[in-house]
N, C-alpha and C. Protein backbone atom coordinates (compact mmCIF):
# COMPACT_ATOMS: atom_id res chain seq x y z
N MET A 1 34.22 120.37 103.02
CA MET A 1 34.42 120.87 104.39
C MET A 1 34.63 119.70 105.33
N SER A 2 35.64 119.80 106.18
CA SER A 2 35.91 118.75 107.15
C SER A 2 34.74 118.58 108.12
N ASP A 3 34.57 117.36 108.62
CA ASP A 3 33.49 117.13 109.59
C ASP A 3 34.03 117.10 111.03
N PHE A 4 35.28 117.55 111.19
CA PHE A 4 35.84 117.67 112.54
C PHE A 4 36.80 118.86 112.56
N LEU A 5 37.22 119.25 113.75
CA LEU A 5 38.23 120.29 113.86
C LEU A 5 39.31 119.85 114.83
N TYR A 6 40.42 120.57 114.78
CA TYR A 6 41.49 120.35 115.75
C TYR A 6 41.33 121.35 116.89
N LEU A 7 41.38 120.87 118.12
CA LEU A 7 41.33 121.74 119.29
C LEU A 7 42.73 121.84 119.87
N ALA A 8 43.28 123.05 119.83
CA ALA A 8 44.62 123.27 120.35
C ALA A 8 44.52 123.76 121.80
N SER A 9 44.09 122.86 122.67
CA SER A 9 43.91 123.20 124.09
C SER A 9 43.99 121.93 124.93
N GLN A 10 44.61 122.05 126.09
CA GLN A 10 44.69 120.92 127.00
C GLN A 10 43.54 120.91 128.00
N SER A 11 42.64 121.88 127.89
CA SER A 11 41.56 122.02 128.87
C SER A 11 40.46 120.97 128.65
N PRO A 12 40.21 120.13 129.65
CA PRO A 12 39.10 119.17 129.51
C PRO A 12 37.74 119.86 129.42
N ARG A 13 37.63 121.06 129.99
CA ARG A 13 36.36 121.80 129.94
C ARG A 13 36.04 122.22 128.50
N ARG A 14 37.07 122.62 127.75
CA ARG A 14 36.82 123.02 126.36
C ARG A 14 36.37 121.81 125.53
N ARG A 15 36.95 120.67 125.82
CA ARG A 15 36.52 119.44 125.12
C ARG A 15 35.05 119.15 125.43
N GLN A 16 34.69 119.25 126.70
CA GLN A 16 33.31 118.98 127.11
C GLN A 16 32.34 119.94 126.44
N LEU A 17 32.73 121.19 126.33
CA LEU A 17 31.85 122.19 125.73
C LEU A 17 31.66 121.94 124.23
N LEU A 18 32.72 121.55 123.54
CA LEU A 18 32.56 121.20 122.13
C LEU A 18 31.65 119.98 121.97
N GLU A 19 31.81 119.00 122.86
CA GLU A 19 30.95 117.82 122.81
C GLU A 19 29.49 118.21 123.06
N GLN A 20 29.29 119.19 123.92
CA GLN A 20 27.94 119.65 124.26
C GLN A 20 27.18 120.13 123.03
N ILE A 21 27.90 120.74 122.07
CA ILE A 21 27.22 121.23 120.87
C ILE A 21 27.48 120.32 119.66
N GLY A 22 28.00 119.12 119.94
CA GLY A 22 28.12 118.11 118.89
C GLY A 22 29.21 118.36 117.87
N VAL A 23 30.29 119.04 118.28
CA VAL A 23 31.40 119.30 117.36
C VAL A 23 32.48 118.25 117.57
N ARG A 24 32.71 117.43 116.54
CA ARG A 24 33.76 116.42 116.60
C ARG A 24 35.12 117.12 116.57
N HIS A 25 36.03 116.62 117.37
CA HIS A 25 37.34 117.27 117.42
C HIS A 25 38.43 116.29 117.79
N GLU A 26 39.63 116.64 117.40
CA GLU A 26 40.84 115.93 117.80
C GLU A 26 41.77 116.94 118.44
N LEU A 27 42.54 116.49 119.41
CA LEU A 27 43.47 117.39 120.09
C LEU A 27 44.72 117.60 119.24
N LEU A 28 45.20 118.84 119.26
CA LEU A 28 46.43 119.22 118.56
C LEU A 28 47.31 119.93 119.58
N LEU A 29 48.04 119.12 120.35
CA LEU A 29 48.76 119.65 121.51
C LEU A 29 50.26 119.73 121.25
N PRO A 30 50.93 120.67 121.94
CA PRO A 30 52.38 120.79 121.78
C PRO A 30 53.13 119.66 122.45
N ASN A 31 54.40 119.55 122.06
CA ASN A 31 55.36 118.67 122.73
C ASN A 31 54.97 117.19 122.69
N ALA A 32 54.45 116.76 121.53
CA ALA A 32 54.23 115.32 121.33
C ALA A 32 55.57 114.65 121.08
N ALA A 33 55.63 113.36 121.33
CA ALA A 33 56.88 112.61 121.14
C ALA A 33 57.36 112.76 119.70
N GLY A 34 58.64 113.09 119.56
CA GLY A 34 59.24 113.19 118.23
C GLY A 34 59.04 114.53 117.55
N ASP A 35 58.27 115.43 118.17
CA ASP A 35 58.02 116.73 117.55
C ASP A 35 58.97 117.77 118.15
N VAL A 36 59.01 118.93 117.51
CA VAL A 36 59.82 120.04 118.01
C VAL A 36 59.30 120.50 119.37
N ALA A 37 60.20 120.75 120.31
CA ALA A 37 59.79 121.24 121.63
C ALA A 37 59.27 122.67 121.51
N GLU A 38 58.16 122.95 122.19
CA GLU A 38 57.56 124.28 122.16
C GLU A 38 57.50 124.83 123.58
N ASP A 39 57.79 126.12 123.72
CA ASP A 39 57.71 126.78 125.03
C ASP A 39 56.34 127.45 125.16
N ALA A 40 55.36 126.65 125.59
CA ALA A 40 53.98 127.14 125.68
C ALA A 40 53.85 128.26 126.70
N GLU A 41 54.65 128.19 127.80
CA GLU A 41 54.52 129.19 128.86
C GLU A 41 55.00 130.57 128.40
N ALA A 42 56.00 130.61 127.52
CA ALA A 42 56.54 131.89 127.06
C ALA A 42 55.47 132.69 126.32
N ILE A 43 54.57 131.99 125.63
CA ILE A 43 53.51 132.65 124.88
C ILE A 43 52.61 133.45 125.82
N GLU A 44 52.45 132.97 127.06
CA GLU A 44 51.48 133.58 127.97
C GLU A 44 52.03 134.76 128.77
N LEU A 45 53.29 135.12 128.55
CA LEU A 45 53.85 136.25 129.28
C LEU A 45 53.22 137.56 128.81
N ALA A 46 52.80 138.37 129.77
CA ALA A 46 52.18 139.66 129.44
C ALA A 46 53.26 140.70 129.12
N LEU A 47 52.94 141.61 128.23
CA LEU A 47 53.83 142.72 127.92
C LEU A 47 53.64 143.82 128.96
N ALA A 48 54.62 144.69 129.09
CA ALA A 48 54.53 145.78 130.06
C ALA A 48 53.32 146.65 129.76
N ALA A 49 52.51 146.92 130.79
CA ALA A 49 51.34 147.80 130.70
C ALA A 49 50.32 147.34 129.65
N GLU A 50 50.30 146.05 129.35
CA GLU A 50 49.36 145.54 128.35
C GLU A 50 47.95 145.45 128.94
N ALA A 51 46.96 145.96 128.22
CA ALA A 51 45.58 145.88 128.67
C ALA A 51 45.11 144.44 128.62
N PRO A 52 44.29 144.00 129.60
CA PRO A 52 43.85 142.60 129.63
C PRO A 52 43.19 142.13 128.34
N ARG A 53 42.35 142.97 127.71
CA ARG A 53 41.69 142.53 126.47
C ARG A 53 42.69 142.36 125.34
N ASP A 54 43.67 143.26 125.27
CA ASP A 54 44.72 143.13 124.25
C ASP A 54 45.53 141.86 124.52
N TYR A 55 45.83 141.63 125.78
CA TYR A 55 46.64 140.47 126.16
C TYR A 55 45.98 139.16 125.75
N VAL A 56 44.72 138.97 126.11
CA VAL A 56 44.08 137.68 125.87
C VAL A 56 43.91 137.42 124.36
N GLN A 57 43.67 138.48 123.59
CA GLN A 57 43.53 138.31 122.14
C GLN A 57 44.89 138.05 121.48
N ARG A 58 45.94 138.72 121.97
CA ARG A 58 47.28 138.49 121.41
C ARG A 58 47.75 137.06 121.72
N VAL A 59 47.56 136.62 122.97
CA VAL A 59 48.00 135.28 123.36
C VAL A 59 47.25 134.21 122.56
N THR A 60 45.95 134.41 122.37
CA THR A 60 45.17 133.44 121.59
C THR A 60 45.68 133.36 120.16
N GLY A 61 46.00 134.51 119.57
CA GLY A 61 46.56 134.53 118.22
C GLY A 61 47.89 133.80 118.14
N LEU A 62 48.75 134.01 119.15
CA LEU A 62 50.05 133.33 119.18
C LEU A 62 49.88 131.82 119.35
N LYS A 63 48.92 131.42 120.18
CA LYS A 63 48.66 129.99 120.37
C LYS A 63 48.15 129.36 119.07
N LEU A 64 47.32 130.11 118.34
CA LEU A 64 46.83 129.58 117.07
C LEU A 64 47.95 129.52 116.04
N ASP A 65 48.81 130.54 116.01
CA ASP A 65 49.98 130.50 115.11
C ASP A 65 50.80 129.24 115.37
N ALA A 66 51.04 128.95 116.65
CA ALA A 66 51.84 127.78 117.01
C ALA A 66 51.13 126.49 116.60
N ALA A 67 49.81 126.46 116.76
CA ALA A 67 49.04 125.27 116.40
C ALA A 67 49.03 125.04 114.89
N VAL A 68 48.92 126.13 114.12
CA VAL A 68 48.95 126.03 112.65
C VAL A 68 50.30 125.47 112.19
N ALA A 69 51.38 125.98 112.79
CA ALA A 69 52.73 125.48 112.46
C ALA A 69 52.87 124.01 112.85
N ARG A 70 52.32 123.65 114.01
CA ARG A 70 52.36 122.27 114.51
C ARG A 70 51.61 121.33 113.55
N HIS A 71 50.47 121.79 113.09
CA HIS A 71 49.65 121.02 112.16
C HIS A 71 50.42 120.76 110.86
N ALA A 72 51.05 121.81 110.33
CA ALA A 72 51.80 121.67 109.08
C ALA A 72 53.02 120.77 109.27
N ARG A 73 53.70 120.94 110.40
CA ARG A 73 54.92 120.17 110.68
C ARG A 73 54.63 118.67 110.76
N ARG A 74 53.46 118.35 111.31
CA ARG A 74 53.11 116.94 111.50
C ARG A 74 52.42 116.33 110.28
N GLY A 75 52.16 117.16 109.27
CA GLY A 75 51.54 116.65 108.05
C GLY A 75 50.17 116.04 108.27
N LEU A 76 49.37 116.67 109.11
CA LEU A 76 48.06 116.14 109.46
C LEU A 76 47.02 116.46 108.38
N ALA A 77 45.93 115.71 108.42
CA ALA A 77 44.82 115.94 107.49
C ALA A 77 44.28 117.36 107.67
N PRO A 78 43.85 118.00 106.58
CA PRO A 78 43.32 119.37 106.70
C PRO A 78 42.01 119.40 107.48
N ALA A 79 41.89 120.39 108.34
CA ALA A 79 40.66 120.64 109.12
C ALA A 79 40.86 121.96 109.84
N PRO A 80 39.78 122.66 110.19
CA PRO A 80 39.93 123.91 110.95
C PRO A 80 40.63 123.66 112.29
N ILE A 81 41.29 124.70 112.78
CA ILE A 81 42.00 124.63 114.06
C ILE A 81 41.41 125.68 114.98
N LEU A 82 40.99 125.25 116.17
CA LEU A 82 40.34 126.15 117.14
C LEU A 82 41.26 126.35 118.34
N CYS A 83 41.35 127.59 118.75
CA CYS A 83 42.18 127.95 119.89
C CYS A 83 41.42 128.93 120.77
N SER A 84 41.66 128.88 122.07
CA SER A 84 40.97 129.79 122.99
C SER A 84 41.87 130.05 124.19
N ASP A 85 41.71 131.23 124.77
CA ASP A 85 42.47 131.55 125.99
C ASP A 85 41.59 132.41 126.89
N THR A 86 41.69 132.18 128.17
CA THR A 86 40.89 132.90 129.16
C THR A 86 41.79 133.61 130.15
N THR A 87 41.44 134.85 130.47
CA THR A 87 42.14 135.53 131.54
C THR A 87 41.13 136.26 132.42
N VAL A 88 41.52 136.51 133.64
CA VAL A 88 40.70 137.25 134.59
C VAL A 88 41.35 138.61 134.82
N ALA A 89 40.53 139.65 134.78
CA ALA A 89 41.06 141.00 134.94
C ALA A 89 40.35 141.71 136.09
N LEU A 90 41.13 142.22 137.01
CA LEU A 90 40.62 143.07 138.08
C LEU A 90 41.07 144.48 137.76
N GLY A 91 40.18 145.25 137.14
CA GLY A 91 40.59 146.53 136.59
C GLY A 91 41.59 146.28 135.47
N ALA A 92 42.76 146.92 135.55
CA ALA A 92 43.80 146.73 134.53
C ALA A 92 44.75 145.60 134.89
N GLN A 93 44.51 144.96 136.03
CA GLN A 93 45.41 143.91 136.51
C GLN A 93 45.02 142.55 135.93
N ILE A 94 45.98 141.88 135.29
CA ILE A 94 45.76 140.55 134.73
C ILE A 94 46.05 139.51 135.80
N LEU A 95 45.05 138.67 136.08
CA LEU A 95 45.22 137.61 137.07
C LEU A 95 45.21 136.27 136.33
N GLY A 96 46.40 135.72 136.16
CA GLY A 96 46.52 134.47 135.42
C GLY A 96 46.37 133.26 136.32
N LYS A 97 47.02 132.18 135.92
CA LYS A 97 46.96 130.93 136.70
C LYS A 97 47.88 131.05 137.90
N PRO A 98 47.45 130.56 139.07
CA PRO A 98 48.30 130.67 140.26
C PRO A 98 49.55 129.80 140.15
N GLU A 99 50.64 130.30 140.72
CA GLU A 99 51.89 129.55 140.69
C GLU A 99 51.90 128.43 141.72
N ASP A 100 51.22 128.66 142.85
CA ASP A 100 51.16 127.65 143.91
C ASP A 100 49.95 127.98 144.79
N GLU A 101 49.79 127.23 145.88
CA GLU A 101 48.62 127.44 146.74
C GLU A 101 48.60 128.82 147.38
N ALA A 102 49.77 129.32 147.77
CA ALA A 102 49.82 130.65 148.38
C ALA A 102 49.40 131.72 147.38
N ASP A 103 49.83 131.55 146.14
CA ASP A 103 49.46 132.50 145.10
C ASP A 103 47.96 132.42 144.81
N ALA A 104 47.40 131.21 144.84
CA ALA A 104 45.95 131.04 144.63
C ALA A 104 45.18 131.78 145.71
N ALA A 105 45.63 131.64 146.97
CA ALA A 105 44.97 132.34 148.08
C ALA A 105 45.07 133.85 147.92
N ARG A 106 46.22 134.32 147.44
CA ARG A 106 46.42 135.77 147.22
C ARG A 106 45.44 136.28 146.16
N ILE A 107 45.33 135.55 145.04
CA ILE A 107 44.43 135.96 143.96
C ILE A 107 42.99 135.98 144.43
N LEU A 108 42.59 134.94 145.14
CA LEU A 108 41.20 134.86 145.61
C LEU A 108 40.89 135.98 146.60
N SER A 109 41.86 136.34 147.42
CA SER A 109 41.64 137.43 148.38
C SER A 109 41.44 138.76 147.66
N LEU A 110 42.10 138.92 146.49
CA LEU A 110 41.90 140.13 145.69
C LEU A 110 40.49 140.18 145.10
N LEU A 111 39.96 139.00 144.71
CA LEU A 111 38.66 138.94 144.04
C LEU A 111 37.49 139.05 145.02
N CYS A 112 37.70 138.72 146.27
CA CYS A 112 36.61 138.69 147.25
C CYS A 112 35.90 140.03 147.34
N GLY A 113 34.58 139.98 147.24
CA GLY A 113 33.78 141.18 147.40
C GLY A 113 33.91 142.16 146.25
N GLN A 114 34.57 141.75 145.17
CA GLN A 114 34.84 142.64 144.03
C GLN A 114 34.19 142.10 142.75
N GLU A 115 33.94 143.01 141.83
CA GLU A 115 33.58 142.60 140.47
C GLU A 115 34.85 142.48 139.65
N HIS A 116 34.92 141.45 138.84
CA HIS A 116 36.05 141.31 137.92
C HIS A 116 35.53 140.86 136.56
N GLU A 117 36.37 141.01 135.55
CA GLU A 117 36.01 140.58 134.20
C GLU A 117 36.67 139.24 133.89
N VAL A 118 35.94 138.38 133.20
CA VAL A 118 36.52 137.16 132.65
C VAL A 118 36.50 137.32 131.13
N LEU A 119 37.68 137.31 130.56
CA LEU A 119 37.85 137.56 129.12
C LEU A 119 38.28 136.26 128.45
N THR A 120 37.51 135.82 127.48
CA THR A 120 37.89 134.63 126.72
C THR A 120 37.91 134.98 125.24
N ALA A 121 39.09 134.85 124.65
CA ALA A 121 39.25 135.07 123.22
C ALA A 121 39.21 133.72 122.52
N VAL A 122 38.59 133.70 121.34
CA VAL A 122 38.50 132.49 120.53
C VAL A 122 39.02 132.82 119.14
N ALA A 123 39.78 131.89 118.57
CA ALA A 123 40.29 132.09 117.20
C ALA A 123 40.18 130.77 116.44
N LEU A 124 39.76 130.87 115.19
CA LEU A 124 39.57 129.69 114.35
C LEU A 124 40.29 129.90 113.03
N GLN A 125 41.19 128.99 112.71
CA GLN A 125 41.87 129.02 111.42
C GLN A 125 41.22 128.00 110.50
N SER A 126 40.69 128.46 109.38
CA SER A 126 40.06 127.57 108.40
C SER A 126 40.68 127.85 107.05
N GLY A 127 41.63 126.99 106.64
CA GLY A 127 42.40 127.28 105.44
C GLY A 127 43.17 128.57 105.62
N PRO A 128 43.09 129.51 104.66
CA PRO A 128 43.81 130.77 104.81
C PRO A 128 43.08 131.80 105.67
N GLN A 129 41.84 131.49 106.04
CA GLN A 129 41.03 132.47 106.77
C GLN A 129 41.14 132.28 108.28
N ARG A 130 41.14 133.40 108.98
CA ARG A 130 41.14 133.37 110.45
C ARG A 130 39.95 134.18 110.95
N PHE A 131 39.20 133.58 111.86
CA PHE A 131 38.03 134.23 112.45
C PHE A 131 38.28 134.37 113.95
N THR A 132 37.93 135.52 114.53
CA THR A 132 38.21 135.74 115.95
C THR A 132 37.00 136.35 116.65
N ALA A 133 36.93 136.13 117.94
CA ALA A 133 35.86 136.72 118.76
C ALA A 133 36.38 136.88 120.19
N LEU A 134 35.74 137.78 120.92
CA LEU A 134 36.09 138.02 122.32
C LEU A 134 34.81 138.01 123.16
N SER A 135 34.80 137.20 124.18
CA SER A 135 33.69 137.15 125.13
C SER A 135 34.10 137.87 126.42
N VAL A 136 33.26 138.79 126.87
CA VAL A 136 33.54 139.54 128.10
C VAL A 136 32.41 139.30 129.09
N SER A 137 32.73 138.76 130.24
CA SER A 137 31.74 138.52 131.29
C SER A 137 32.18 139.22 132.56
N VAL A 138 31.20 139.56 133.39
CA VAL A 138 31.49 140.21 134.67
C VAL A 138 31.01 139.29 135.79
N VAL A 139 31.89 139.04 136.75
CA VAL A 139 31.59 138.16 137.88
C VAL A 139 31.84 138.92 139.17
N ARG A 140 30.93 138.75 140.13
CA ARG A 140 31.15 139.34 141.45
C ARG A 140 31.20 138.24 142.50
N PHE A 141 32.30 138.17 143.20
CA PHE A 141 32.44 137.22 144.30
C PHE A 141 31.90 137.85 145.58
N ALA A 142 31.26 137.05 146.40
CA ALA A 142 30.91 137.49 147.74
C ALA A 142 32.19 137.60 148.58
N ALA A 143 32.07 138.27 149.71
CA ALA A 143 33.21 138.30 150.64
C ALA A 143 33.50 136.88 151.11
N MET A 144 34.76 136.53 151.26
CA MET A 144 35.16 135.20 151.72
C MET A 144 36.10 135.37 152.92
N THR A 145 35.92 134.55 153.91
CA THR A 145 36.82 134.57 155.06
C THR A 145 38.13 133.86 154.68
N PRO A 146 39.20 134.13 155.40
CA PRO A 146 40.45 133.40 155.14
C PRO A 146 40.25 131.88 155.22
N ALA A 147 39.39 131.44 156.13
CA ALA A 147 39.14 129.99 156.25
C ALA A 147 38.43 129.45 155.01
N GLN A 148 37.50 130.22 154.46
CA GLN A 148 36.81 129.80 153.23
C GLN A 148 37.78 129.74 152.05
N ILE A 149 38.65 130.73 151.98
CA ILE A 149 39.65 130.74 150.90
C ILE A 149 40.56 129.52 151.04
N ALA A 150 41.04 129.28 152.26
CA ALA A 150 41.94 128.14 152.49
C ALA A 150 41.26 126.81 152.16
N ALA A 151 39.98 126.70 152.50
CA ALA A 151 39.25 125.46 152.23
C ALA A 151 39.10 125.26 150.73
N TYR A 152 38.85 126.33 150.01
CA TYR A 152 38.70 126.20 148.56
C TYR A 152 40.04 125.86 147.91
N VAL A 153 41.10 126.54 148.33
CA VAL A 153 42.43 126.25 147.78
C VAL A 153 42.81 124.79 148.04
N ALA A 154 42.41 124.28 149.21
CA ALA A 154 42.75 122.89 149.58
C ALA A 154 42.08 121.86 148.66
N THR A 155 41.03 122.26 147.95
CA THR A 155 40.39 121.32 147.01
C THR A 155 41.27 121.06 145.79
N GLY A 156 42.24 121.95 145.55
CA GLY A 156 43.10 121.83 144.37
C GLY A 156 42.49 122.43 143.12
N GLU A 157 41.24 122.83 143.21
CA GLU A 157 40.54 123.34 142.03
C GLU A 157 41.15 124.61 141.42
N PRO A 158 41.69 125.53 142.26
CA PRO A 158 42.22 126.78 141.68
C PRO A 158 43.42 126.59 140.75
N MET A 159 44.14 125.48 140.91
CA MET A 159 45.39 125.32 140.17
C MET A 159 45.11 125.10 138.68
N GLY A 160 45.88 125.81 137.86
CA GLY A 160 45.73 125.68 136.42
C GLY A 160 44.60 126.49 135.84
N LYS A 161 43.97 127.34 136.67
CA LYS A 161 42.82 128.11 136.19
C LYS A 161 43.10 129.62 136.33
N ALA A 162 42.80 130.36 135.30
CA ALA A 162 42.94 131.81 135.36
C ALA A 162 42.06 132.35 136.48
N GLY A 163 42.62 133.25 137.29
CA GLY A 163 41.86 133.82 138.40
C GLY A 163 41.71 132.88 139.58
N ALA A 164 42.32 131.71 139.51
CA ALA A 164 42.36 130.74 140.61
C ALA A 164 40.99 130.19 141.01
N TYR A 165 40.09 130.08 140.03
CA TYR A 165 38.82 129.42 140.35
C TYR A 165 38.18 128.85 139.09
N GLY A 166 37.28 127.90 139.30
CA GLY A 166 36.49 127.33 138.22
C GLY A 166 35.03 127.56 138.51
N ILE A 167 34.34 128.28 137.63
CA ILE A 167 32.93 128.63 137.86
C ILE A 167 32.06 127.39 137.96
N GLN A 168 32.47 126.30 137.29
CA GLN A 168 31.66 125.09 137.24
C GLN A 168 31.91 124.17 138.43
N GLY A 169 32.79 124.60 139.33
CA GLY A 169 33.13 123.75 140.48
C GLY A 169 32.65 124.34 141.80
N ALA A 170 33.42 124.06 142.84
CA ALA A 170 33.03 124.46 144.19
C ALA A 170 33.00 125.98 144.38
N ALA A 171 33.70 126.72 143.53
CA ALA A 171 33.70 128.19 143.65
C ALA A 171 32.32 128.78 143.42
N ALA A 172 31.43 128.04 142.79
CA ALA A 172 30.10 128.57 142.46
C ALA A 172 29.35 129.09 143.68
N VAL A 173 29.62 128.50 144.85
CA VAL A 173 28.89 128.94 146.05
C VAL A 173 29.31 130.35 146.48
N HIS A 174 30.42 130.85 145.94
CA HIS A 174 30.89 132.19 146.30
C HIS A 174 30.57 133.23 145.24
N VAL A 175 29.97 132.81 144.12
CA VAL A 175 29.66 133.75 143.03
C VAL A 175 28.30 134.37 143.29
N ALA A 176 28.32 135.66 143.65
CA ALA A 176 27.07 136.36 143.98
C ALA A 176 26.31 136.79 142.74
N HIS A 177 27.05 137.09 141.68
CA HIS A 177 26.39 137.59 140.46
C HIS A 177 27.31 137.37 139.28
N LEU A 178 26.71 137.07 138.12
CA LEU A 178 27.50 137.07 136.89
C LEU A 178 26.64 137.59 135.75
N ALA A 179 27.30 138.26 134.84
CA ALA A 179 26.63 138.77 133.64
C ALA A 179 27.53 138.47 132.46
N GLY A 180 26.96 137.83 131.45
CA GLY A 180 27.77 137.49 130.28
C GLY A 180 27.59 136.04 129.88
N SER A 181 28.68 135.37 129.59
CA SER A 181 28.65 134.01 129.07
C SER A 181 29.18 133.02 130.11
N TYR A 182 28.29 132.15 130.59
CA TYR A 182 28.73 131.13 131.55
C TYR A 182 29.78 130.23 130.92
N THR A 183 29.55 129.82 129.66
CA THR A 183 30.53 128.94 129.00
C THR A 183 31.82 129.70 128.69
N GLY A 184 31.70 131.01 128.48
CA GLY A 184 32.90 131.82 128.30
C GLY A 184 33.75 131.84 129.57
N ILE A 185 33.10 131.92 130.72
CA ILE A 185 33.81 131.89 131.99
C ILE A 185 34.46 130.52 132.19
N MET A 186 33.81 129.46 131.71
CA MET A 186 34.39 128.12 131.78
C MET A 186 35.61 127.98 130.87
N GLY A 187 35.65 128.77 129.79
CA GLY A 187 36.83 128.72 128.93
C GLY A 187 36.57 128.64 127.44
N LEU A 188 35.29 128.47 127.04
CA LEU A 188 34.97 128.46 125.61
C LEU A 188 33.55 128.96 125.42
N PRO A 189 33.37 130.23 125.05
CA PRO A 189 32.02 130.78 124.89
C PRO A 189 31.33 130.14 123.69
N LEU A 190 30.30 129.37 123.94
CA LEU A 190 29.70 128.57 122.87
C LEU A 190 28.98 129.42 121.83
N PHE A 191 28.35 130.52 122.25
CA PHE A 191 27.67 131.38 121.28
C PHE A 191 28.67 131.93 120.26
N GLU A 192 29.75 132.50 120.77
CA GLU A 192 30.77 133.08 119.88
C GLU A 192 31.47 132.01 119.06
N THR A 193 31.74 130.86 119.67
CA THR A 193 32.39 129.77 118.94
C THR A 193 31.52 129.28 117.80
N ALA A 194 30.22 129.15 118.06
CA ALA A 194 29.29 128.72 117.01
C ALA A 194 29.26 129.74 115.87
N GLN A 195 29.31 131.03 116.22
CA GLN A 195 29.33 132.07 115.19
C GLN A 195 30.55 131.93 114.28
N LEU A 196 31.72 131.68 114.89
CA LEU A 196 32.94 131.53 114.11
C LEU A 196 32.85 130.31 113.20
N LEU A 197 32.33 129.22 113.73
CA LEU A 197 32.21 128.00 112.93
C LEU A 197 31.26 128.22 111.74
N ARG A 198 30.17 128.94 111.97
CA ARG A 198 29.25 129.23 110.86
C ARG A 198 29.92 130.12 109.82
N GLN A 199 30.71 131.09 110.29
CA GLN A 199 31.44 131.95 109.34
C GLN A 199 32.38 131.11 108.47
N ALA A 200 32.91 130.03 109.04
CA ALA A 200 33.83 129.16 108.31
C ALA A 200 33.10 128.12 107.46
N GLY A 201 31.76 128.16 107.48
CA GLY A 201 31.00 127.28 106.62
C GLY A 201 30.40 126.05 107.27
N TRP A 202 30.49 125.97 108.60
CA TRP A 202 29.90 124.83 109.31
C TRP A 202 28.41 125.04 109.51
N SER A 203 27.67 123.95 109.53
CA SER A 203 26.27 124.03 109.95
C SER A 203 26.15 123.32 111.29
N LEU A 204 25.62 124.03 112.26
CA LEU A 204 25.52 123.47 113.63
C LEU A 204 24.05 123.20 113.94
């Protein structure tokens, strides 16, 4: 059994979370020099009327498929490959990463005073076996004034994050309640991830 895994994610938070539980990892990212160009954004497009839970699990599977192909193409040493994707759902509405500051403000205004779900799917490829899990958390934002929203957007923190916020950052002052997995909301639910690793034969 390998003593490290490949993490197919550009998120520094996912790296930090793996380090937190002592899992050695190497990044396996798309579009390295000399490799085949990959359209990572196309993978994240939602299908018409797709339920948020179906969406996040499908996208995670596609990202893992791409990472497995990338691993084989580059002739890398064998090791498990871990992939994860997070989305925010307000009812049936999928709230992805904001396109710009105005879009971030729009998303945050939708979340204010509302409960929403944070869905993080995790998938692990270990040889021919694939293990998957889904973490579902509920977060309630307090009401926010337009000035508070603008001030938060001005920090730059909402960019690149599903739902236009990071629970581990300045947005925490607006989170009135959460139920579920704090690390799942950050982007990698450690309880579920540890379960998948144990299923694949790791001892943590």
